[in-house]
Amino acid sequence: MKFILNVLWLVLSGLWLALGYVLAGVICCILIITIPFGIASFRIAGYALWPFGRTTVVRHDAGVGSAIGNVVWIIFAGWWLALGHIITGLALCVTIIGIPFGIANFKMIPVSLVPLGRDIVPTDEPFAAR
């Protein structure tokens, strides 16, 4: 079932969402000081491309740099991305067929709001990063 949902997600919206995150990652990597944000964007792009069967977990070994980076990310990009995922998720949940895709958008809110200090793991290994 996860495979079918991922293929439908990829065709309907995942490809474009992932391309947007990749573009943001490339722009961040061009500017030297924002390379950590670029790497986080690439990680989110992979998650946006194939979200079903994966989840995010908080890394407890992330330091103060991740916290400071997350504050900067929230100010400049995070809240816009989270708001976009909320609006898209609500719009998708209007139809019965769109409910799984809306839930996938809601799953992307935490990682798009605060991407540094998070790992993306398969759902059968949610404690693998701890």
N, C-alpha and C. Protein backbone atom coordinates (compact mmCIF):
# COMPACT_ATOMS: atom_id res chain seq x y z
N MET A 1 0.82 -1.19 0.00
CA MET A 1 0.00 0.00 0.00
C MET A 1 0.87 1.26 0.00
N LYS A 2 1.97 1.21 0.77
CA LYS A 2 2.87 2.36 0.80
C LYS A 2 3.42 2.67 -0.59
N PHE A 3 3.74 1.62 -1.33
CA PHE A 3 4.30 1.82 -2.66
C PHE A 3 3.29 2.51 -3.58
N ILE A 4 2.05 2.07 -3.54
CA ILE A 4 1.01 2.68 -4.39
C ILE A 4 0.80 4.14 -4.01
N LEU A 5 0.72 4.42 -2.70
CA LEU A 5 0.55 5.81 -2.26
C LEU A 5 1.74 6.67 -2.65
N ASN A 6 2.95 6.12 -2.54
CA ASN A 6 4.14 6.88 -2.93
C ASN A 6 4.16 7.17 -4.42
N VAL A 7 3.75 6.20 -5.25
CA VAL A 7 3.73 6.44 -6.69
C VAL A 7 2.70 7.50 -7.04
N LEU A 8 1.50 7.40 -6.44
CA LEU A 8 0.48 8.43 -6.69
C LEU A 8 0.94 9.80 -6.21
N TRP A 9 1.56 9.84 -5.04
CA TRP A 9 2.10 11.09 -4.50
C TRP A 9 3.15 11.67 -5.43
N LEU A 10 4.04 10.82 -5.91
CA LEU A 10 5.11 11.26 -6.80
C LEU A 10 4.55 11.88 -8.07
N VAL A 11 3.56 11.25 -8.65
CA VAL A 11 2.98 11.73 -9.91
C VAL A 11 2.17 13.01 -9.69
N LEU A 12 1.39 13.05 -8.62
CA LEU A 12 0.46 14.17 -8.44
C LEU A 12 1.10 15.42 -7.84
N SER A 13 1.98 15.24 -6.87
CA SER A 13 2.54 16.46 -6.27
C SER A 13 3.97 16.31 -5.75
N GLY A 14 4.40 15.11 -5.47
CA GLY A 14 5.71 14.92 -4.85
C GLY A 14 6.89 15.38 -5.69
N LEU A 15 6.80 15.16 -6.99
CA LEU A 15 7.90 15.56 -7.87
C LEU A 15 8.10 17.07 -7.85
N TRP A 16 7.02 17.82 -7.94
CA TRP A 16 7.13 19.28 -7.97
C TRP A 16 7.57 19.83 -6.62
N LEU A 17 7.07 19.23 -5.56
CA LEU A 17 7.47 19.66 -4.23
C LEU A 17 8.96 19.37 -4.00
N ALA A 18 9.41 18.20 -4.40
CA ALA A 18 10.82 17.85 -4.24
C ALA A 18 11.71 18.75 -5.10
N LEU A 19 11.28 19.05 -6.32
CA LEU A 19 12.07 19.96 -7.17
C LEU A 19 12.19 21.35 -6.54
N GLY A 20 11.13 21.81 -5.89
CA GLY A 20 11.19 23.10 -5.20
C GLY A 20 12.20 23.09 -4.06
N TYR A 21 12.21 22.00 -3.28
CA TYR A 21 13.18 21.89 -2.20
C TYR A 21 14.60 21.75 -2.74
N VAL A 22 14.77 21.03 -3.85
CA VAL A 22 16.10 20.90 -4.46
C VAL A 22 16.59 22.26 -4.95
N LEU A 23 15.72 23.03 -5.58
CA LEU A 23 16.09 24.37 -6.04
C LEU A 23 16.51 25.25 -4.86
N ALA A 24 15.74 25.19 -3.78
CA ALA A 24 16.11 25.96 -2.59
C ALA A 24 17.45 25.48 -2.04
N GLY A 25 17.70 24.17 -2.07
CA GLY A 25 18.98 23.64 -1.60
C GLY A 25 20.15 24.09 -2.45
N VAL A 26 19.96 24.13 -3.76
CA VAL A 26 21.03 24.60 -4.65
C VAL A 26 21.33 26.07 -4.37
N ILE A 27 20.30 26.88 -4.22
CA ILE A 27 20.50 28.30 -3.93
C ILE A 27 21.22 28.47 -2.60
N CYS A 28 20.83 27.68 -1.60
CA CYS A 28 21.49 27.78 -0.29
C CYS A 28 22.94 27.32 -0.36
N CYS A 29 23.23 26.34 -1.21
CA CYS A 29 24.62 25.85 -1.30
C CYS A 29 25.52 26.80 -2.10
N ILE A 30 24.93 27.63 -2.93
CA ILE A 30 25.74 28.63 -3.65
C ILE A 30 26.29 29.65 -2.67
N LEU A 31 25.47 30.05 -1.73
CA LEU A 31 25.92 30.96 -0.68
C LEU A 31 26.61 30.11 0.38
N ILE A 32 27.84 30.38 0.65
CA ILE A 32 28.67 29.51 1.49
C ILE A 32 28.11 29.38 2.91
N ILE A 33 27.63 30.45 3.49
CA ILE A 33 27.21 30.41 4.89
C ILE A 33 25.91 29.63 5.10
N THR A 34 25.15 29.42 4.04
CA THR A 34 23.86 28.72 4.18
C THR A 34 23.92 27.27 3.71
N ILE A 35 25.09 26.70 3.63
CA ILE A 35 25.22 25.30 3.20
C ILE A 35 24.46 24.33 4.12
N PRO A 36 24.46 24.51 5.45
CA PRO A 36 23.66 23.60 6.28
C PRO A 36 22.17 23.63 5.92
N PHE A 37 21.67 24.79 5.53
CA PHE A 37 20.27 24.88 5.12
C PHE A 37 20.06 24.19 3.77
N GLY A 38 21.05 24.24 2.91
CA GLY A 38 20.97 23.54 1.63
C GLY A 38 20.93 22.04 1.82
N ILE A 39 21.76 21.54 2.72
CA ILE A 39 21.76 20.10 3.01
C ILE A 39 20.41 19.69 3.60
N ALA A 40 19.87 20.52 4.49
CA ALA A 40 18.55 20.23 5.06
C ALA A 40 17.48 20.24 3.98
N SER A 41 17.58 21.15 3.02
CA SER A 41 16.61 21.20 1.93
C SER A 41 16.69 19.95 1.06
N PHE A 42 17.89 19.45 0.82
CA PHE A 42 18.03 18.22 0.06
C PHE A 42 17.42 17.03 0.81
N ARG A 43 17.61 17.01 2.12
CA ARG A 43 17.02 15.94 2.94
C ARG A 43 15.49 16.00 2.90
N ILE A 44 14.94 17.21 2.98
CA ILE A 44 13.49 17.37 2.91
C ILE A 44 12.99 17.00 1.52
N ALA A 45 13.77 17.30 0.49
CA ALA A 45 13.37 16.94 -0.88
C ALA A 45 13.22 15.43 -1.03
N GLY A 46 14.14 14.68 -0.45
CA GLY A 46 14.03 13.22 -0.48
C GLY A 46 12.80 12.73 0.25
N TYR A 47 12.49 13.38 1.36
CA TYR A 47 11.29 13.02 2.13
C TYR A 47 10.03 13.40 1.37
N ALA A 48 10.05 14.55 0.71
CA ALA A 48 8.89 15.00 -0.06
C ALA A 48 8.67 14.15 -1.31
N LEU A 49 9.71 13.53 -1.78
CA LEU A 49 9.59 12.69 -2.97
C LEU A 49 8.94 11.35 -2.66
N TRP A 50 9.18 10.80 -1.48
CA TRP A 50 8.73 9.45 -1.13
C TRP A 50 8.35 9.44 0.36
N PRO A 51 7.23 10.08 0.78
CA PRO A 51 6.96 10.26 2.21
C PRO A 51 6.31 9.08 2.93
N PHE A 52 5.58 8.25 2.20
CA PHE A 52 4.85 7.18 2.88
C PHE A 52 5.81 6.07 3.29
N GLY A 53 5.69 5.65 4.53
CA GLY A 53 6.59 4.63 5.05
C GLY A 53 7.82 5.21 5.72
N ARG A 54 7.88 6.53 5.84
CA ARG A 54 9.00 7.19 6.51
C ARG A 54 8.46 8.23 7.47
N THR A 55 9.24 8.56 8.47
CA THR A 55 8.86 9.57 9.45
C THR A 55 10.10 10.32 9.91
N THR A 56 9.90 11.37 10.67
CA THR A 56 11.02 12.15 11.17
C THR A 56 11.17 11.93 12.67
N VAL A 57 12.39 11.92 13.13
CA VAL A 57 12.68 11.81 14.55
C VAL A 57 13.69 12.89 14.91
N VAL A 58 13.60 13.34 16.15
CA VAL A 58 14.52 14.37 16.64
C VAL A 58 15.83 13.71 17.03
N ARG A 59 16.93 14.32 16.60
CA ARG A 59 18.26 13.85 17.00
C ARG A 59 18.61 14.51 18.32
N HIS A 60 18.88 13.72 19.31
CA HIS A 60 19.20 14.28 20.63
C HIS A 60 20.65 14.70 20.75
N ASP A 61 21.47 14.35 19.76
CA ASP A 61 22.87 14.77 19.80
C ASP A 61 23.10 16.07 19.05
N ALA A 62 22.03 16.68 18.52
CA ALA A 62 22.16 17.97 17.84
C ALA A 62 22.46 19.04 18.87
N GLY A 63 23.35 19.93 18.53
CA GLY A 63 23.82 20.91 19.50
C GLY A 63 23.15 22.27 19.36
N VAL A 64 23.83 23.25 19.94
CA VAL A 64 23.33 24.62 19.94
C VAL A 64 23.30 25.19 18.53
N GLY A 65 24.23 24.77 17.69
CA GLY A 65 24.24 25.25 16.30
C GLY A 65 22.96 24.92 15.57
N SER A 66 22.42 23.72 15.81
CA SER A 66 21.15 23.34 15.19
C SER A 66 20.01 24.21 15.70
N ALA A 67 20.02 24.50 16.99
CA ALA A 67 18.96 25.34 17.56
C ALA A 67 19.01 26.75 16.98
N ILE A 68 20.21 27.32 16.89
CA ILE A 68 20.35 28.66 16.32
C ILE A 68 19.97 28.65 14.85
N GLY A 69 20.42 27.62 14.12
CA GLY A 69 20.06 27.50 12.71
C GLY A 69 18.57 27.35 12.50
N ASN A 70 17.91 26.61 13.40
CA ASN A 70 16.46 26.46 13.29
C ASN A 70 15.73 27.77 13.52
N VAL A 71 16.23 28.59 14.43
CA VAL A 71 15.60 29.90 14.66
C VAL A 71 15.73 30.76 13.40
N VAL A 72 16.91 30.77 12.80
CA VAL A 72 17.11 31.52 11.55
C VAL A 72 16.22 30.96 10.45
N TRP A 73 16.13 29.62 10.35
CA TRP A 73 15.30 28.98 9.33
C TRP A 73 13.83 29.35 9.53
N ILE A 74 13.34 29.33 10.78
CA ILE A 74 11.94 29.67 11.05
C ILE A 74 11.65 31.10 10.61
N ILE A 75 12.55 32.00 10.91
CA ILE A 75 12.33 33.42 10.57
C ILE A 75 12.26 33.63 9.07
N PHE A 76 13.17 33.02 8.31
CA PHE A 76 13.26 33.30 6.89
C PHE A 76 12.46 32.35 6.00
N ALA A 77 12.30 31.10 6.37
CA ALA A 77 11.65 30.16 5.45
C ALA A 77 10.68 29.20 6.13
N GLY A 78 10.95 28.80 7.35
CA GLY A 78 10.21 27.72 7.98
C GLY A 78 8.72 27.96 8.14
N TRP A 79 8.35 29.14 8.60
CA TRP A 79 6.92 29.35 8.84
C TRP A 79 6.15 29.45 7.54
N TRP A 80 6.80 29.93 6.45
CA TRP A 80 6.15 29.97 5.15
C TRP A 80 5.91 28.55 4.64
N LEU A 81 6.92 27.72 4.78
CA LEU A 81 6.80 26.33 4.32
C LEU A 81 5.75 25.58 5.13
N ALA A 82 5.76 25.76 6.45
CA ALA A 82 4.78 25.09 7.30
C ALA A 82 3.36 25.56 6.97
N LEU A 83 3.19 26.84 6.75
CA LEU A 83 1.88 27.38 6.39
C LEU A 83 1.41 26.81 5.04
N GLY A 84 2.32 26.70 4.10
CA GLY A 84 1.98 26.10 2.81
C GLY A 84 1.56 24.65 2.94
N HIS A 85 2.26 23.89 3.79
CA HIS A 85 1.88 22.49 4.00
C HIS A 85 0.54 22.38 4.72
N ILE A 86 0.26 23.29 5.64
CA ILE A 86 -1.04 23.28 6.33
C ILE A 86 -2.17 23.56 5.35
N ILE A 87 -2.02 24.60 4.55
CA ILE A 87 -3.07 24.96 3.59
C ILE A 87 -3.27 23.85 2.56
N THR A 88 -2.18 23.31 2.04
CA THR A 88 -2.28 22.23 1.06
C THR A 88 -2.89 20.98 1.69
N GLY A 89 -2.49 20.66 2.91
CA GLY A 89 -3.04 19.50 3.60
C GLY A 89 -4.53 19.63 3.85
N LEU A 90 -4.97 20.82 4.26
CA LEU A 90 -6.41 21.03 4.47
C LEU A 90 -7.18 20.93 3.15
N ALA A 91 -6.62 21.49 2.09
CA ALA A 91 -7.29 21.42 0.79
C ALA A 91 -7.38 19.97 0.31
N LEU A 92 -6.36 19.19 0.55
CA LEU A 92 -6.38 17.79 0.12
C LEU A 92 -7.34 16.95 0.95
N CYS A 93 -7.53 17.30 2.21
CA CYS A 93 -8.41 16.53 3.08
C CYS A 93 -9.89 16.78 2.81
N VAL A 94 -10.20 17.69 1.91
CA VAL A 94 -11.60 17.94 1.57
C VAL A 94 -12.21 16.73 0.87
N THR A 95 -11.44 16.04 0.06
CA THR A 95 -11.94 14.86 -0.63
C THR A 95 -11.46 13.60 0.09
N ILE A 96 -12.21 12.54 -0.03
CA ILE A 96 -11.83 11.29 0.63
C ILE A 96 -10.55 10.73 0.03
N ILE A 97 -10.41 10.82 -1.27
CA ILE A 97 -9.22 10.30 -1.93
C ILE A 97 -7.98 11.09 -1.53
N GLY A 98 -8.14 12.37 -1.25
CA GLY A 98 -7.01 13.22 -0.92
C GLY A 98 -6.57 13.16 0.53
N ILE A 99 -7.31 12.48 1.39
CA ILE A 99 -6.98 12.45 2.82
C ILE A 99 -5.58 11.88 3.09
N PRO A 100 -5.16 10.76 2.49
CA PRO A 100 -3.78 10.30 2.75
C PRO A 100 -2.72 11.31 2.32
N PHE A 101 -2.99 12.02 1.23
CA PHE A 101 -2.02 13.01 0.76
C PHE A 101 -2.02 14.24 1.67
N GLY A 102 -3.18 14.59 2.22
CA GLY A 102 -3.23 15.67 3.19
C GLY A 102 -2.47 15.32 4.45
N ILE A 103 -2.60 14.08 4.89
CA ILE A 103 -1.86 13.62 6.06
C ILE A 103 -0.36 13.64 5.78
N ALA A 104 0.03 13.27 4.56
CA ALA A 104 1.46 13.34 4.20
C ALA A 104 1.96 14.77 4.27
N ASN A 105 1.13 15.74 3.85
CA ASN A 105 1.53 17.14 3.97
C ASN A 105 1.66 17.54 5.43
N PHE A 106 0.74 17.07 6.28
CA PHE A 106 0.83 17.39 7.71
C PHE A 106 2.08 16.76 8.33
N LYS A 107 2.51 15.59 7.84
CA LYS A 107 3.73 14.95 8.35
C LYS A 107 4.97 15.75 8.00
N MET A 108 4.90 16.56 6.94
CA MET A 108 6.07 17.34 6.54
C MET A 108 6.21 18.66 7.29
N ILE A 109 5.20 19.04 8.06
CA ILE A 109 5.25 20.32 8.77
C ILE A 109 6.42 20.40 9.76
N PRO A 110 6.62 19.41 10.64
CA PRO A 110 7.73 19.57 11.59
C PRO A 110 9.10 19.69 10.93
N VAL A 111 9.35 18.89 9.89
CA VAL A 111 10.67 18.94 9.26
C VAL A 111 10.84 20.20 8.40
N SER A 112 9.75 20.74 7.88
CA SER A 112 9.88 21.98 7.12
C SER A 112 9.97 23.19 8.04
N LEU A 113 9.45 23.07 9.25
CA LEU A 113 9.51 24.18 10.20
C LEU A 113 10.87 24.24 10.89
N VAL A 114 11.37 23.12 11.36
CA VAL A 114 12.67 23.06 12.03
C VAL A 114 13.45 21.85 11.49
N PRO A 115 14.17 22.00 10.37
CA PRO A 115 14.81 20.85 9.73
C PRO A 115 16.13 20.40 10.35
N LEU A 116 16.82 21.29 11.02
CA LEU A 116 18.13 20.93 11.57
C LEU A 116 17.95 20.15 12.87
N GLY A 117 18.69 19.09 13.02
CA GLY A 117 18.56 18.26 14.21
C GLY A 117 17.47 17.21 14.09
N ARG A 118 17.08 16.88 12.87
CA ARG A 118 16.07 15.85 12.61
C ARG A 118 16.62 14.84 11.63
N ASP A 119 16.19 13.59 11.79
CA ASP A 119 16.53 12.53 10.85
C ASP A 119 15.25 11.97 10.26
N ILE A 120 15.33 11.50 9.05
CA ILE A 120 14.20 10.86 8.39
C ILE A 120 14.50 9.37 8.36
N VAL A 121 13.62 8.59 8.99
CA VAL A 121 13.84 7.15 9.12
C VAL A 121 12.60 6.41 8.63
N PRO A 122 12.75 5.13 8.27
CA PRO A 122 11.57 4.32 7.93
C PRO A 122 10.64 4.19 9.13
N THR A 123 9.35 4.06 8.89
CA THR A 123 8.39 3.99 9.99
C THR A 123 8.56 2.73 10.84
N ASP A 124 9.16 1.68 10.30
CA ASP A 124 9.39 0.50 11.12
C ASP A 124 10.64 0.63 11.97
N GLU A 125 11.36 1.75 11.86
CA GLU A 125 12.54 2.02 12.68
C GLU A 125 12.48 3.43 13.27
N PRO A 126 11.39 3.82 13.97
CA PRO A 126 11.30 5.20 14.45
C PRO A 126 12.31 5.55 15.53
N PHE A 127 12.91 4.56 16.16
CA PHE A 127 13.88 4.85 17.22
C PHE A 127 15.31 4.56 16.78
N ALA A 128 15.51 4.42 15.47
CA ALA A 128 16.84 4.07 14.96
C ALA A 128 17.85 5.19 15.17
N ALA A 129 17.40 6.43 15.18
CA ALA A 129 18.34 7.55 15.28
C ALA A 129 18.70 7.87 16.73
N ARG A 130 18.06 7.23 17.68
CA ARG A 130 18.32 7.58 19.09
C ARG A 130 19.46 6.83 19.66
